[in-house]
N, C-alpha and C. Protein backbone atom coordinates (compact mmCIF):
# COMPACT_ATOMS: atom_id res chain seq x y z
N MET A 1 36.65 -10.56 -5.91
CA MET A 1 35.62 -9.89 -4.95
C MET A 1 35.37 -8.52 -5.47
N ASN A 2 36.36 -7.80 -5.73
CA ASN A 2 36.21 -6.35 -6.13
C ASN A 2 35.36 -6.30 -7.42
N PHE A 3 35.56 -7.14 -8.28
CA PHE A 3 34.78 -7.20 -9.58
C PHE A 3 33.36 -7.39 -9.25
N ILE A 4 33.00 -8.26 -8.29
CA ILE A 4 31.58 -8.53 -7.97
C ILE A 4 31.04 -7.26 -7.28
N ASN A 5 31.75 -6.61 -6.42
CA ASN A 5 31.23 -5.35 -5.84
C ASN A 5 30.99 -4.33 -6.79
N GLN A 6 31.92 -4.17 -7.83
CA GLN A 6 31.72 -3.11 -8.80
C GLN A 6 30.55 -3.39 -9.67
N ALA A 7 30.29 -4.66 -9.97
CA ALA A 7 29.19 -5.12 -10.75
C ALA A 7 27.80 -4.91 -10.01
N THR A 8 27.95 -5.23 -8.76
CA THR A 8 26.69 -4.96 -7.79
C THR A 8 26.28 -3.46 -7.88
N GLN A 9 27.37 -2.66 -7.71
CA GLN A 9 27.17 -1.14 -7.59
C GLN A 9 26.64 -0.61 -8.97
N MET A 10 27.20 -1.11 -10.13
CA MET A 10 26.76 -0.74 -11.40
C MET A 10 25.34 -1.19 -11.60
N THR A 11 24.96 -2.32 -11.25
CA THR A 11 23.57 -2.81 -11.35
C THR A 11 22.64 -1.92 -10.57
N GLN A 12 22.98 -1.75 -9.38
CA GLN A 12 22.09 -0.90 -8.48
C GLN A 12 21.93 0.52 -9.13
N SER A 13 23.01 1.05 -9.69
CA SER A 13 23.02 2.35 -10.27
C SER A 13 22.05 2.42 -11.45
N LEU A 14 22.11 1.37 -12.29
CA LEU A 14 21.39 1.22 -13.51
C LEU A 14 19.88 1.08 -13.10
N MET A 15 19.64 0.29 -12.16
CA MET A 15 18.34 0.10 -11.79
C MET A 15 17.66 1.39 -11.25
N GLY A 16 18.42 2.24 -10.53
CA GLY A 16 17.97 3.41 -10.01
C GLY A 16 17.68 4.46 -11.15
N SER A 17 18.55 4.47 -12.13
CA SER A 17 18.24 5.38 -13.12
C SER A 17 17.12 4.94 -14.04
N SER A 18 16.95 3.52 -14.09
CA SER A 18 15.78 3.07 -14.82
C SER A 18 14.47 3.42 -14.12
N LYS A 19 14.55 3.25 -12.82
CA LYS A 19 13.34 3.73 -12.07
C LYS A 19 12.98 5.19 -12.18
N GLU A 20 13.99 6.04 -12.21
CA GLU A 20 13.79 7.44 -12.27
C GLU A 20 13.19 7.81 -13.75
N ARG A 21 13.76 7.07 -14.75
CA ARG A 21 13.17 7.31 -16.17
C ARG A 21 11.79 6.80 -16.22
N LEU A 22 11.52 5.69 -15.67
CA LEU A 22 10.04 5.10 -15.66
C LEU A 22 9.18 6.15 -15.00
N GLN A 23 9.50 6.65 -13.80
CA GLN A 23 8.83 7.64 -12.98
C GLN A 23 8.54 8.79 -13.79
N ALA A 24 9.57 9.32 -14.56
CA ALA A 24 9.46 10.58 -15.34
C ALA A 24 8.52 10.36 -16.52
N PHE A 25 8.60 9.11 -17.07
CA PHE A 25 7.66 8.71 -18.19
C PHE A 25 6.27 8.73 -17.72
N GLN A 26 5.94 8.07 -16.57
CA GLN A 26 4.65 8.03 -16.06
C GLN A 26 4.18 9.32 -15.55
N ASP A 27 5.10 10.10 -15.03
CA ASP A 27 4.53 11.53 -14.59
C ASP A 27 4.18 12.30 -15.88
N GLY A 28 4.93 12.10 -16.99
CA GLY A 28 4.67 12.93 -18.17
C GLY A 28 3.41 12.45 -18.80
N ARG A 29 3.17 11.12 -18.76
CA ARG A 29 1.96 10.59 -19.25
C ARG A 29 0.76 11.10 -18.52
N LYS A 30 0.81 11.12 -17.17
CA LYS A 30 -0.24 11.64 -16.37
C LYS A 30 -0.50 13.06 -16.59
N ARG A 31 0.64 13.92 -16.79
CA ARG A 31 0.44 15.27 -17.00
C ARG A 31 -0.24 15.52 -18.26
N ASN A 32 0.10 14.68 -19.36
CA ASN A 32 -0.55 14.90 -20.63
C ASN A 32 -2.02 14.51 -20.50
N GLU A 33 -2.42 13.52 -19.76
CA GLU A 33 -3.89 13.25 -19.54
C GLU A 33 -4.47 14.34 -18.85
N LEU A 34 -3.90 14.96 -17.85
CA LEU A 34 -4.63 16.08 -17.16
C LEU A 34 -4.60 17.26 -18.02
N LEU A 35 -3.73 17.59 -18.75
CA LEU A 35 -3.78 18.72 -19.73
C LEU A 35 -4.93 18.57 -20.70
N HIS A 36 -5.03 17.20 -21.19
CA HIS A 36 -6.03 17.03 -22.12
C HIS A 36 -7.49 17.17 -21.46
N ALA A 37 -7.67 16.58 -20.21
CA ALA A 37 -8.87 16.79 -19.60
C ALA A 37 -9.16 18.24 -19.25
N LEU A 38 -8.08 19.13 -18.81
CA LEU A 38 -8.31 20.47 -18.67
C LEU A 38 -8.73 21.20 -19.94
N GLY A 39 -8.10 20.80 -21.03
CA GLY A 39 -8.44 21.40 -22.33
C GLY A 39 -9.87 21.09 -22.73
N ASP A 40 -10.36 19.92 -22.43
CA ASP A 40 -11.67 19.42 -22.82
C ASP A 40 -12.63 20.21 -22.01
N LEU A 41 -12.39 20.39 -20.66
CA LEU A 41 -13.39 21.18 -19.81
C LEU A 41 -13.39 22.56 -20.17
N THR A 42 -12.17 23.12 -20.59
CA THR A 42 -12.15 24.67 -20.91
C THR A 42 -12.91 24.81 -22.26
N TYR A 43 -12.77 23.90 -23.16
CA TYR A 43 -13.52 23.98 -24.52
C TYR A 43 -15.01 23.92 -24.27
N ARG A 44 -15.34 22.92 -23.45
CA ARG A 44 -16.86 22.79 -23.11
C ARG A 44 -17.37 23.99 -22.34
N LYS A 45 -16.65 24.53 -21.52
CA LYS A 45 -16.96 25.74 -20.76
C LYS A 45 -17.16 26.93 -21.76
N HIS A 46 -16.18 27.03 -22.74
CA HIS A 46 -16.19 28.06 -23.71
C HIS A 46 -17.42 27.96 -24.62
N SER A 47 -17.85 26.74 -24.84
CA SER A 47 -18.93 26.41 -25.78
C SER A 47 -20.28 26.62 -25.05
N GLY A 48 -20.27 26.88 -23.76
CA GLY A 48 -21.45 27.13 -23.14
C GLY A 48 -22.08 26.06 -22.28
N ASP A 49 -21.42 24.94 -22.12
CA ASP A 49 -21.83 23.85 -21.34
C ASP A 49 -21.62 24.33 -19.93
N ALA A 50 -22.50 23.70 -18.99
CA ALA A 50 -22.31 23.95 -17.64
C ALA A 50 -21.19 22.96 -17.10
N ILE A 51 -20.22 23.63 -16.69
CA ILE A 51 -18.97 22.92 -16.09
C ILE A 51 -18.86 23.22 -14.62
N ASP A 52 -18.54 22.15 -13.82
CA ASP A 52 -18.24 22.40 -12.40
C ASP A 52 -16.86 23.04 -12.28
N ALA A 53 -16.82 24.21 -11.63
CA ALA A 53 -15.46 24.94 -11.54
C ALA A 53 -14.68 24.12 -10.56
N GLY A 54 -15.16 23.31 -9.78
CA GLY A 54 -14.31 22.49 -8.86
C GLY A 54 -13.44 21.42 -9.66
N ALA A 55 -14.04 20.97 -10.79
CA ALA A 55 -13.42 19.99 -11.64
C ALA A 55 -12.06 20.61 -12.26
N ILE A 56 -12.27 21.85 -12.75
CA ILE A 56 -11.11 22.57 -13.29
C ILE A 56 -10.06 22.92 -12.11
N ASP A 57 -10.57 23.28 -10.99
CA ASP A 57 -9.58 23.53 -9.92
C ASP A 57 -8.90 22.31 -9.49
N ALA A 58 -9.59 21.14 -9.45
CA ALA A 58 -8.94 19.87 -9.03
C ALA A 58 -7.93 19.41 -10.12
N LEU A 59 -8.13 19.68 -11.45
CA LEU A 59 -7.08 19.39 -12.43
C LEU A 59 -5.85 20.25 -12.26
N ILE A 60 -6.16 21.50 -12.11
CA ILE A 60 -5.08 22.44 -11.88
C ILE A 60 -4.29 22.17 -10.68
N ALA A 61 -4.87 21.76 -9.53
CA ALA A 61 -4.17 21.28 -8.37
C ALA A 61 -3.31 20.08 -8.57
N GLU A 62 -3.78 19.24 -9.28
CA GLU A 62 -3.06 17.90 -9.62
C GLU A 62 -1.87 18.28 -10.42
N LEU A 63 -2.04 19.15 -11.43
CA LEU A 63 -1.01 19.49 -12.29
C LEU A 63 0.12 20.23 -11.48
N ASP A 64 -0.38 21.12 -10.63
CA ASP A 64 0.59 21.87 -9.67
C ASP A 64 1.42 20.81 -8.96
N GLY A 65 0.81 19.75 -8.40
CA GLY A 65 1.59 18.65 -7.75
C GLY A 65 2.59 18.04 -8.61
N LEU A 66 2.17 17.74 -9.75
CA LEU A 66 3.14 17.08 -10.62
C LEU A 66 4.36 18.00 -11.02
N ASN A 67 3.96 19.34 -11.32
CA ASN A 67 5.04 20.30 -11.72
C ASN A 67 5.87 20.58 -10.58
N SER A 68 5.46 20.64 -9.47
CA SER A 68 6.24 20.88 -8.19
C SER A 68 7.30 19.81 -7.92
N SER A 69 7.02 18.56 -8.29
CA SER A 69 7.79 17.47 -8.14
C SER A 69 8.80 17.37 -9.27
N ARG A 70 8.57 18.08 -10.34
CA ARG A 70 9.40 18.04 -11.45
C ARG A 70 10.38 19.22 -11.45
N ASN A 71 11.64 18.82 -11.67
CA ASN A 71 12.65 19.91 -11.71
C ASN A 71 13.00 20.33 -13.15
N ASP A 72 12.33 19.90 -14.04
CA ASP A 72 12.56 20.14 -15.43
C ASP A 72 12.06 21.68 -15.79
N GLU A 73 13.01 22.46 -16.28
CA GLU A 73 12.65 23.86 -16.47
C GLU A 73 11.76 24.11 -17.68
N GLU A 74 11.69 23.06 -18.63
CA GLU A 74 10.95 23.28 -19.74
C GLU A 74 9.51 23.13 -19.69
N ALA A 75 8.93 22.56 -18.39
CA ALA A 75 7.58 22.46 -18.17
C ALA A 75 6.95 23.85 -18.09
N PRO A 76 5.80 24.02 -18.73
CA PRO A 76 5.10 25.38 -18.62
C PRO A 76 4.46 25.52 -17.23
N ALA A 77 4.45 26.78 -16.76
CA ALA A 77 3.86 26.99 -15.52
C ALA A 77 2.37 26.78 -15.50
N VAL A 78 1.83 26.11 -14.47
CA VAL A 78 0.40 25.89 -14.44
C VAL A 78 -0.39 27.18 -14.20
N SER A 79 0.33 28.12 -13.53
CA SER A 79 -0.34 29.46 -13.37
C SER A 79 -0.76 30.07 -14.68
N ASP A 80 0.15 29.76 -15.70
CA ASP A 80 -0.28 30.31 -17.09
C ASP A 80 -1.57 29.61 -17.56
N THR A 81 -1.71 28.34 -17.33
CA THR A 81 -2.86 27.56 -17.73
C THR A 81 -4.00 28.04 -16.92
N ALA A 82 -3.92 28.28 -15.68
CA ALA A 82 -5.04 28.84 -14.89
C ALA A 82 -5.46 30.18 -15.32
N GLU A 83 -4.47 31.10 -15.66
CA GLU A 83 -4.89 32.32 -16.11
C GLU A 83 -5.65 32.24 -17.47
N HIS A 84 -5.17 31.31 -18.29
CA HIS A 84 -5.95 31.10 -19.66
C HIS A 84 -7.27 30.61 -19.30
N ALA A 85 -7.43 29.70 -18.44
CA ALA A 85 -8.83 29.18 -18.13
C ALA A 85 -9.70 30.30 -17.63
N ASP A 86 -9.03 31.17 -16.74
CA ASP A 86 -10.08 32.27 -16.23
C ASP A 86 -10.20 33.35 -17.32
N ALA A 87 -9.34 33.47 -18.29
CA ALA A 87 -9.61 34.48 -19.37
C ALA A 87 -10.74 33.91 -20.15
N VAL A 88 -10.89 32.62 -20.31
CA VAL A 88 -11.97 32.06 -21.09
C VAL A 88 -13.34 32.26 -20.69
N THR A 89 -13.52 32.33 -19.28
CA THR A 89 -14.71 32.50 -18.61
C THR A 89 -15.34 33.86 -18.88
């Protein structure tokens, strides 16, 4: 019985860490998509295209949400991105 309990605990632990890794991967992918979209809008704005400022603000807000849920210190601060976007205008 003890072996079965240990196996069950190990399985649950592995499933939990797999779910966390999957979530981290999905968050990273979403973050990359948002950064790409933000870069595209910033480039278009810099090139003189009419860009809705609300679209940039929405992307930055969504990035803020992802970064606040992430405890990884290597993620760049979104405020740096926002300052760069303001500097381009």
